[in-house]
Amino acid sequence: MRDLSTFKGCPAPSPVRLEGRFVTVEPYDRDKHLQALWDGLGGMGINPLLTYFTQPDFGSIADFESWLDNARTKGGWLTHVFRDNASGKIVGMANYMRADPANGVVEVGGVAHGPAMSRTPLATEAHYLMAKHVFDDLGYRRYEWKCHNENEASKTTARRYGFTFEGVFRQHMLSKGKNRDTAWFSIIDGDWPLVKAAFEAWLAPDNFDAEGRQKRKLEDIRAELARAVA
């Protein structure tokens, strides 16, 4: 258990570049990334991809730009984009948001994985890099993931990455003119060593065959590691 008697809080998250074997996480820059991110998320196909986001559907890239700008200036989001190291293309995004440095809590949200991330290691490595930065570099105590309770894909992804389901906030907010119940998940600092070890074992070159397919699932690796220390 972490001794909190001298805990003085954590640094506020700031834009950061995180490089992995498959993907690089980069701070969003409008001039460098806007068009590439729009294209990577499917252009006007972005609206079905972001069905469970709270903002109205985008009518154009200009709407998307305004939303990103408002998320930064009014919401305090730190948008980061994912660059595929092999192709050099921008393929997705996520945000550090609702940071509470005094208590060591921050959320990852506004997560969008473009089609090029499907069935690849890119998303897993990107979220490993973002979580590792929060815990290992900034010393945070709690890393949150929240989503619309009807978003089964997001809930499955959170559990796969090692987030623990904590419950549902009923009638938490309005989303596209309808009620949203929000599912809450977290990784805390006590969880992180096991979650980190599982991520790293899954991402290791020897966990992939010649065609790039995984040999062991991330959830299975984490379960095996948990049994080993039980």
C-alpha atoms as a PDB file:
ATOM      1  CA  MET A   1       0.000   0.000   0.000  1.00  0.00           C
ATOM      2  CA  ARG A   2       1.317   3.416  -0.956  1.00  0.00           C
ATOM      3  CA  ASP A   3       2.225   5.720   1.930  1.00  0.00           C
ATOM      4  CA  LEU A   4       0.231   8.906   1.370  1.00  0.00           C
ATOM      5  CA  SER A   5       1.367  10.778   4.470  1.00  0.00           C
ATOM      6  CA  THR A   6       3.787  12.865   2.401  1.00  0.00           C
ATOM      7  CA  PHE A   7       1.915  12.801  -0.920  1.00  0.00           C
ATOM      8  CA  LYS A   8       2.081  16.261  -2.481  1.00  0.00           C
ATOM      9  CA  GLY A   9       0.106  15.622  -5.627  1.00  0.00           C
ATOM     10  CA  CYS A  10       1.322  14.985  -9.157  1.00  0.00           C
ATOM     11  CA  PRO A  11       2.381  17.129 -12.090  1.00  0.00           C
ATOM     12  CA  ALA A  12      -0.455  18.142 -14.363  1.00  0.00           C
ATOM     13  CA  PRO A  13      -0.396  16.173 -17.610  1.00  0.00           C
ATOM     14  CA  SER A  14       1.175  18.070 -20.485  1.00  0.00           C
ATOM     15  CA  PRO A  15       1.581  17.302 -24.177  1.00  0.00           C
ATOM     16  CA  VAL A  16       3.987  14.391 -24.575  1.00  0.00           C
ATOM     17  CA  ARG A  17       5.455  12.232 -27.328  1.00  0.00           C
ATOM     18  CA  LEU A  18       5.547   8.507 -26.552  1.00  0.00           C
ATOM     19  CA  GLU A  19       7.183   6.138 -29.011  1.00  0.00           C
ATOM     20  CA  GLY A  20       6.561   2.408 -29.163  1.00  0.00           C
ATOM     21  CA  ARG A  21       7.439  -0.392 -31.541  1.00  0.00           C
ATOM     22  CA  PHE A  22       4.170  -0.192 -33.479  1.00  0.00           C
ATOM     23  CA  VAL A  23       2.798   3.270 -32.761  1.00  0.00           C
ATOM     24  CA  THR A  24       3.836   6.740 -31.697  1.00  0.00           C
ATOM     25  CA  VAL A  25       1.602   8.914 -29.525  1.00  0.00           C
ATOM     26  CA  GLU A  26       1.949  12.598 -30.459  1.00  0.00           C
ATOM     27  CA  PRO A  27       0.412  15.796 -29.046  1.00  0.00           C
ATOM     28  CA  TYR A  28      -2.293  17.045 -31.391  1.00  0.00           C
ATOM     29  CA  ASP A  29      -1.226  20.006 -33.506  1.00  0.00           C
ATOM     30  CA  ARG A  30      -3.933  21.531 -35.682  1.00  0.00           C
ATOM     31  CA  ASP A  31      -1.671  22.376 -38.608  1.00  0.00           C
ATOM     32  CA  LYS A  32       0.072  19.005 -38.625  1.00  0.00           C
ATOM     33  CA  HIS A  33      -2.744  16.671 -37.673  1.00  0.00           C
ATOM     34  CA  LEU A  34      -6.251  17.973 -38.346  1.00  0.00           C
ATOM     35  CA  GLN A  35      -6.680  16.716 -41.911  1.00  0.00           C
ATOM     36  CA  ALA A  36      -4.718  13.526 -41.249  1.00  0.00           C
ATOM     37  CA  LEU A  37      -6.786  12.734 -38.145  1.00  0.00           C
ATOM     38  CA  TRP A  38     -10.056  13.447 -39.961  1.00  0.00           C
ATOM     39  CA  ASP A  39      -8.995  11.143 -42.779  1.00  0.00           C
ATOM     40  CA  GLY A  40      -7.725   8.476 -40.360  1.00  0.00           C
ATOM     41  CA  LEU A  41     -11.084   8.426 -38.577  1.00  0.00           C
ATOM     42  CA  GLY A  42     -12.942   7.969 -41.851  1.00  0.00           C
ATOM     43  CA  GLY A  43     -13.823  11.494 -42.950  1.00  0.00           C
ATOM     44  CA  MET A  44     -17.613  11.775 -42.847  1.00  0.00           C
ATOM     45  CA  GLY A  45     -17.584   8.183 -41.666  1.00  0.00           C
ATOM     46  CA  ILE A  46     -16.492   9.605 -38.318  1.00  0.00           C
ATOM     47  CA  ASN A  47     -20.084   9.954 -37.100  1.00  0.00           C
ATOM     48  CA  PRO A  48     -20.869   6.214 -36.966  1.00  0.00           C
ATOM     49  CA  LEU A  49     -17.459   5.680 -35.347  1.00  0.00           C
ATOM     50  CA  LEU A  50     -18.302   8.231 -32.641  1.00  0.00           C
ATOM     51  CA  THR A  51     -21.906   7.131 -32.108  1.00  0.00           C
ATOM     52  CA  TYR A  52     -21.533   7.211 -28.323  1.00  0.00           C
ATOM     53  CA  PHE A  53     -19.741  10.555 -28.077  1.00  0.00           C
ATOM     54  CA  THR A  54     -21.906  13.307 -26.590  1.00  0.00           C
ATOM     55  CA  GLN A  55     -21.453  16.014 -29.239  1.00  0.00           C
ATOM     56  CA  PRO A  56     -23.833  16.369 -32.214  1.00  0.00           C
ATOM     57  CA  ASP A  57     -22.821  14.684 -35.452  1.00  0.00           C
ATOM     58  CA  PHE A  58     -20.208  16.531 -37.465  1.00  0.00           C
ATOM     59  CA  GLY A  59     -21.263  18.086 -40.746  1.00  0.00           C
ATOM     60  CA  SER A  60     -17.738  18.732 -41.941  1.00  0.00           C
ATOM     61  CA  ILE A  61     -14.094  18.822 -40.936  1.00  0.00           C
ATOM     62  CA  ALA A  62     -14.719  22.384 -39.734  1.00  0.00           C
ATOM     63  CA  ASP A  63     -17.159  21.052 -37.118  1.00  0.00           C
ATOM     64  CA  PHE A  64     -14.569  18.498 -36.046  1.00  0.00           C
ATOM     65  CA  GLU A  65     -11.932  21.224 -35.747  1.00  0.00           C
ATOM     66  CA  SER A  66     -14.228  23.361 -33.598  1.00  0.00           C
ATOM     67  CA  TRP A  67     -15.028  20.422 -31.350  1.00  0.00           C
ATOM     68  CA  LEU A  68     -11.348  19.642 -30.811  1.00  0.00           C
ATOM     69  CA  ASP A  69     -10.620  23.297 -30.099  1.00  0.00           C
ATOM     70  CA  ASN A  70     -13.470  23.586 -27.591  1.00  0.00           C
ATOM     71  CA  ALA A  71     -12.418  20.356 -25.899  1.00  0.00           C
ATOM     72  CA  ARG A  72      -9.001  21.901 -25.346  1.00  0.00           C
ATOM     73  CA  THR A  73      -9.921  25.468 -24.425  1.00  0.00           C
ATOM     74  CA  LYS A  74     -13.115  24.819 -22.442  1.00  0.00           C
ATOM     75  CA  GLY A  75     -12.777  21.212 -21.361  1.00  0.00           C
ATOM     76  CA  GLY A  76      -9.069  21.119 -20.633  1.00  0.00           C
ATOM     77  CA  TRP A  77      -8.565  18.031 -22.791  1.00  0.00           C
ATOM     78  CA  LEU A  78      -5.060  17.175 -23.973  1.00  0.00           C
ATOM     79  CA  THR A  79      -5.619  15.524 -27.333  1.00  0.00           C
ATOM     80  CA  HIS A  80      -2.999  13.058 -28.558  1.00  0.00           C
ATOM     81  CA  VAL A  81      -2.991  11.305 -31.907  1.00  0.00           C
ATOM     82  CA  PHE A  82      -1.719   7.848 -32.813  1.00  0.00           C
ATOM     83  CA  ARG A  83       0.725   7.485 -35.692  1.00  0.00           C
ATOM     84  CA  ASP A  84       1.286   4.075 -37.265  1.00  0.00           C
ATOM     85  CA  ASN A  85       5.064   3.639 -37.278  1.00  0.00           C
ATOM     86  CA  ALA A  86       4.932   1.403 -40.353  1.00  0.00           C
ATOM     87  CA  SER A  87       2.812   3.622 -42.620  1.00  0.00           C
ATOM     88  CA  GLY A  88       3.429   6.993 -41.000  1.00  0.00           C
ATOM     89  CA  LYS A  89      -0.313   7.681 -41.051  1.00  0.00           C
ATOM     90  CA  ILE A  90      -2.458   9.092 -38.239  1.00  0.00           C
ATOM     91  CA  VAL A  91      -4.875   6.348 -37.246  1.00  0.00           C
ATOM     92  CA  GLY A  92      -6.615   7.403 -34.025  1.00  0.00           C
ATOM     93  CA  MET A  93      -6.691   9.607 -30.959  1.00  0.00           C
ATOM     94  CA  ALA A  94      -7.250   9.772 -27.201  1.00  0.00           C
ATOM     95  CA  ASN A  95      -7.198  12.516 -24.575  1.00  0.00           C
ATOM     96  CA  TYR A  96      -5.904  13.036 -21.092  1.00  0.00           C
ATOM     97  CA  MET A  97      -8.885  14.749 -19.450  1.00  0.00           C
ATOM     98  CA  ARG A  98     -10.445  15.797 -16.134  1.00  0.00           C
ATOM     99  CA  ALA A  99      -7.042  15.768 -14.487  1.00  0.00           C
ATOM    100  CA  ASP A 100      -6.988  16.149 -10.700  1.00  0.00           C
ATOM    101  CA  PRO A 101      -3.258  16.457  -9.926  1.00  0.00           C
ATOM    102  CA  ALA A 102      -3.833  17.147  -6.229  1.00  0.00           C
ATOM    103  CA  ASN A 103      -5.367  13.708  -5.790  1.00  0.00           C
ATOM    104  CA  GLY A 104      -3.393  11.945  -8.517  1.00  0.00           C
ATOM    105  CA  VAL A 105      -6.366  11.146 -10.750  1.00  0.00           C
ATOM    106  CA  VAL A 106      -6.737  11.516 -14.520  1.00  0.00           C
ATOM    107  CA  GLU A 107      -9.026  10.071 -17.181  1.00  0.00           C
ATOM    108  CA  VAL A 108      -8.339   8.806 -20.670  1.00  0.00           C
ATOM    109  CA  GLY A 109     -11.281   9.660 -22.894  1.00  0.00           C
ATOM    110  CA  GLY A 110     -12.426  10.884 -26.269  1.00  0.00           C
ATOM    111  CA  VAL A 111     -10.939   7.640 -27.561  1.00  0.00           C
ATOM    112  CA  ALA A 112     -11.338   6.937 -31.273  1.00  0.00           C
ATOM    113  CA  HIS A 113      -9.590   4.134 -33.157  1.00  0.00           C
ATOM    114  CA  GLY A 114      -9.708   4.502 -36.927  1.00  0.00           C
ATOM    115  CA  PRO A 115     -10.248   1.546 -39.265  1.00  0.00           C
ATOM    116  CA  ALA A 116      -6.485   1.066 -39.765  1.00  0.00           C
ATOM    117  CA  MET A 117      -6.135   0.177 -36.069  1.00  0.00           C
ATOM    118  CA  SER A 118      -8.584  -2.727 -36.271  1.00  0.00           C
ATOM    119  CA  ARG A 119      -7.065  -6.129 -35.521  1.00  0.00           C
ATOM    120  CA  THR A 120      -3.564  -4.716 -35.063  1.00  0.00           C
ATOM    121  CA  PRO A 121      -1.353  -4.175 -31.983  1.00  0.00           C
ATOM    122  CA  LEU A 122      -1.533  -0.407 -32.468  1.00  0.00           C
ATOM    123  CA  ALA A 123      -4.371   0.380 -30.054  1.00  0.00           C
ATOM    124  CA  THR A 124      -3.037  -1.872 -27.314  1.00  0.00           C
ATOM    125  CA  GLU A 125       0.415  -0.335 -27.489  1.00  0.00           C
ATOM    126  CA  ALA A 126      -0.936   3.222 -27.649  1.00  0.00           C
ATOM    127  CA  HIS A 127      -2.954   2.736 -24.467  1.00  0.00           C
ATOM    128  CA  TYR A 128      -0.059   0.977 -22.767  1.00  0.00           C
ATOM    129  CA  LEU A 129       2.160   3.977 -23.544  1.00  0.00           C
ATOM    130  CA  MET A 130      -0.417   6.463 -22.257  1.00  0.00           C
ATOM    131  CA  ALA A 131      -1.015   4.528 -19.035  1.00  0.00           C
ATOM    132  CA  LYS A 132       2.711   4.001 -18.478  1.00  0.00           C
ATOM    133  CA  HIS A 133       3.313   7.732 -18.758  1.00  0.00           C
ATOM    134  CA  VAL A 134       0.590   8.461 -16.197  1.00  0.00           C
ATOM    135  CA  PHE A 135       1.813   5.955 -13.617  1.00  0.00           C
ATOM    136  CA  ASP A 136       5.572   5.708 -14.171  1.00  0.00           C
ATOM    137  CA  ASP A 137       6.431   9.234 -15.275  1.00  0.00           C
ATOM    138  CA  LEU A 138       3.824  11.356 -13.487  1.00  0.00           C
ATOM    139  CA  GLY A 139       3.143   9.175 -10.442  1.00  0.00           C
ATOM    140  CA  TYR A 140      -0.654   9.171 -10.632  1.00  0.00           C
ATOM    141  CA  ARG A 141      -2.726   7.005  -8.295  1.00  0.00           C
ATOM    142  CA  ARG A 142      -5.784   6.445 -10.477  1.00  0.00           C
ATOM    143  CA  TYR A 143      -6.403   6.261 -14.234  1.00  0.00           C
ATOM    144  CA  GLU A 144     -10.035   6.317 -15.339  1.00  0.00           C
ATOM    145  CA  TRP A 145     -11.967   5.110 -18.382  1.00  0.00           C
ATOM    146  CA  LYS A 146     -15.624   6.091 -18.770  1.00  0.00           C
ATOM    147  CA  CYS A 147     -18.077   5.357 -21.549  1.00  0.00           C
ATOM    148  CA  HIS A 148     -21.748   5.270 -22.461  1.00  0.00           C
ATOM    149  CA  ASN A 149     -23.168   2.212 -20.739  1.00  0.00           C
ATOM    150  CA  GLU A 150     -24.600   1.022 -24.070  1.00  0.00           C
ATOM    151  CA  ASN A 151     -21.152   1.081 -25.685  1.00  0.00           C
ATOM    152  CA  GLU A 152     -20.343  -2.602 -25.299  1.00  0.00           C
ATOM    153  CA  ALA A 153     -17.225  -2.353 -27.505  1.00  0.00           C
ATOM    154  CA  SER A 154     -15.711   0.299 -25.244  1.00  0.00           C
ATOM    155  CA  LYS A 155     -16.514  -1.671 -22.099  1.00  0.00           C
ATOM    156  CA  THR A 156     -14.941  -4.797 -23.593  1.00  0.00           C
ATOM    157  CA  THR A 157     -11.831  -2.822 -24.529  1.00  0.00           C
ATOM    158  CA  ALA A 158     -11.500  -1.331 -21.052  1.00  0.00           C
ATOM    159  CA  ARG A 159     -11.663  -4.753 -19.430  1.00  0.00           C
ATOM    160  CA  ARG A 160      -9.179  -6.161 -21.950  1.00  0.00           C
ATOM    161  CA  TYR A 161      -6.671  -3.450 -21.091  1.00  0.00           C
ATOM    162  CA  GLY A 162      -6.957  -4.241 -17.388  1.00  0.00           C
ATOM    163  CA  PHE A 163      -9.367  -1.561 -16.182  1.00  0.00           C
ATOM    164  CA  THR A 164     -11.670  -2.678 -13.371  1.00  0.00           C
ATOM    165  CA  PHE A 165     -15.407  -2.029 -13.727  1.00  0.00           C
ATOM    166  CA  GLU A 166     -16.665   0.080 -10.822  1.00  0.00           C
ATOM    167  CA  GLY A 167     -20.316   0.618 -11.620  1.00  0.00           C
ATOM    168  CA  VAL A 168     -22.783   2.738 -13.577  1.00  0.00           C
ATOM    169  CA  PHE A 169     -23.634   6.383 -12.925  1.00  0.00           C
ATOM    170  CA  ARG A 170     -27.316   6.494 -13.859  1.00  0.00           C
ATOM    171  CA  GLN A 171     -28.601   9.567 -15.738  1.00  0.00           C
ATOM    172  CA  HIS A 172     -25.090  10.942 -15.644  1.00  0.00           C
ATOM    173  CA  MET A 173     -25.478  13.300 -18.613  1.00  0.00           C
ATOM    174  CA  LEU A 174     -27.275  14.036 -21.851  1.00  0.00           C
ATOM    175  CA  SER A 175     -25.851  12.665 -25.099  1.00  0.00           C
ATOM    176  CA  LYS A 176     -27.256  13.710 -28.465  1.00  0.00           C
ATOM    177  CA  GLY A 177     -30.534  14.691 -26.812  1.00  0.00           C
ATOM    178  CA  LYS A 178     -30.920  11.422 -24.917  1.00  0.00           C
ATOM    179  CA  ASN A 179     -30.052  10.114 -21.480  1.00  0.00           C
ATOM    180  CA  ARG A 180     -26.603   8.633 -20.946  1.00  0.00           C
ATOM    181  CA  ASP A 181     -25.823   6.229 -18.149  1.00  0.00           C
ATOM    182  CA  THR A 182     -22.043   6.129 -17.772  1.00  0.00           C
ATOM    183  CA  ALA A 183     -19.977   3.031 -16.985  1.00  0.00           C
ATOM    184  CA  TRP A 184     -16.893   3.756 -14.874  1.00  0.00           C
ATOM    185  CA  PHE A 185     -13.635   1.797 -14.976  1.00  0.00           C
ATOM    186  CA  SER A 186     -10.219   2.409 -13.435  1.00  0.00           C
ATOM    187  CA  ILE A 187      -6.689   1.187 -13.021  1.00  0.00           C
ATOM    188  CA  ILE A 188      -5.119   2.236  -9.714  1.00  0.00           C
ATOM    189  CA  ASP A 189      -1.456   2.342  -8.852  1.00  0.00           C
ATOM    190  CA  GLY A 190      -1.711  -0.921  -6.927  1.00  0.00           C
ATOM    191  CA  ASP A 191      -3.028  -2.631 -10.076  1.00  0.00           C
ATOM    192  CA  TRP A 192      -0.448  -1.140 -12.391  1.00  0.00           C
ATOM    193  CA  PRO A 193       2.548  -3.488 -11.877  1.00  0.00           C
ATOM    194  CA  LEU A 194       0.485  -6.502 -12.946  1.00  0.00           C
ATOM    195  CA  VAL A 195      -1.305  -4.640 -15.741  1.00  0.00           C
ATOM    196  CA  LYS A 196       2.017  -3.274 -17.005  1.00  0.00           C
ATOM    197  CA  ALA A 197       3.705  -6.681 -16.947  1.00  0.00           C
ATOM    198  CA  ALA A 198       0.836  -8.179 -18.941  1.00  0.00           C
ATOM    199  CA  PHE A 199       0.949  -5.385 -21.523  1.00  0.00           C
ATOM    200  CA  GLU A 200       4.692  -5.846 -21.956  1.00  0.00           C
ATOM    201  CA  ALA A 201       4.471  -9.620 -22.263  1.00  0.00           C
ATOM    202  CA  TRP A 202       1.694  -9.292 -24.851  1.00  0.00           C
ATOM    203  CA  LEU A 203       3.610  -6.679 -26.852  1.00  0.00           C
ATOM    204  CA  ALA A 204       6.862  -8.687 -26.842  1.00  0.00           C
ATOM    205  CA  PRO A 205       7.998  -9.835 -30.308  1.00  0.00           C
ATOM    206  CA  ASP A 206       7.829 -13.489 -29.293  1.00  0.00           C
ATOM    207  CA  ASN A 207       4.066 -13.185 -28.687  1.00  0.00           C
ATOM    208  CA  PHE A 208       3.441 -12.751 -32.432  1.00  0.00           C
ATOM    209  CA  ASP A 209       3.755 -15.297 -35.213  1.00  0.00           C
ATOM    210  CA  ALA A 210       5.270 -14.682 -38.640  1.00  0.00           C
ATOM    211  CA  GLU A 211       1.965 -13.197 -39.874  1.00  0.00           C
ATOM    212  CA  GLY A 212       1.771 -10.813 -36.919  1.00  0.00           C
ATOM    213  CA  ARG A 213      -0.996 -12.677 -35.114  1.00  0.00           C
ATOM    214  CA  GLN A 214      -1.008 -12.865 -31.334  1.00  0.00           C
ATOM    215  CA  LYS A 215      -0.103 -16.166 -29.723  1.00  0.00           C
ATOM    216  CA  ARG A 216      -1.602 -15.405 -26.319  1.00  0.00           C
ATOM    217  CA  LYS A 217      -4.442 -13.054 -25.432  1.00  0.00           C
ATOM    218  CA  LEU A 218      -3.755 -10.099 -23.159  1.00  0.00           C
ATOM    219  CA  GLU A 219      -6.438 -11.201 -20.714  1.00  0.00           C
ATOM    220  CA  ASP A 220      -4.944 -14.700 -20.499  1.00  0.00           C
ATOM    221  CA  ILE A 221      -1.456 -13.354 -19.839  1.00  0.00           C
ATOM    222  CA  ARG A 222      -2.752 -11.101 -17.072  1.00  0.00           C
ATOM    223  CA  ALA A 223      -4.680 -13.976 -15.488  1.00  0.00           C
ATOM    224  CA  GLU A 224      -1.590 -16.192 -15.581  1.00  0.00           C
ATOM    225  CA  LEU A 225       0.525 -13.491 -13.947  1.00  0.00           C
ATOM    226  CA  ALA A 226      -2.140 -12.934 -11.278  1.00  0.00           C
ATOM    227  CA  ARG A 227      -2.197 -16.638 -10.436  1.00  0.00           C
ATOM    228  CA  ALA A 228       1.584 -16.688 -10.197  1.00  0.00           C
ATOM    229  CA  VAL A 229       1.620 -14.017  -7.477  1.00  0.00           C
ATOM    230  CA  ALA A 230      -1.512 -15.182  -5.632  1.00  0.00           C
END
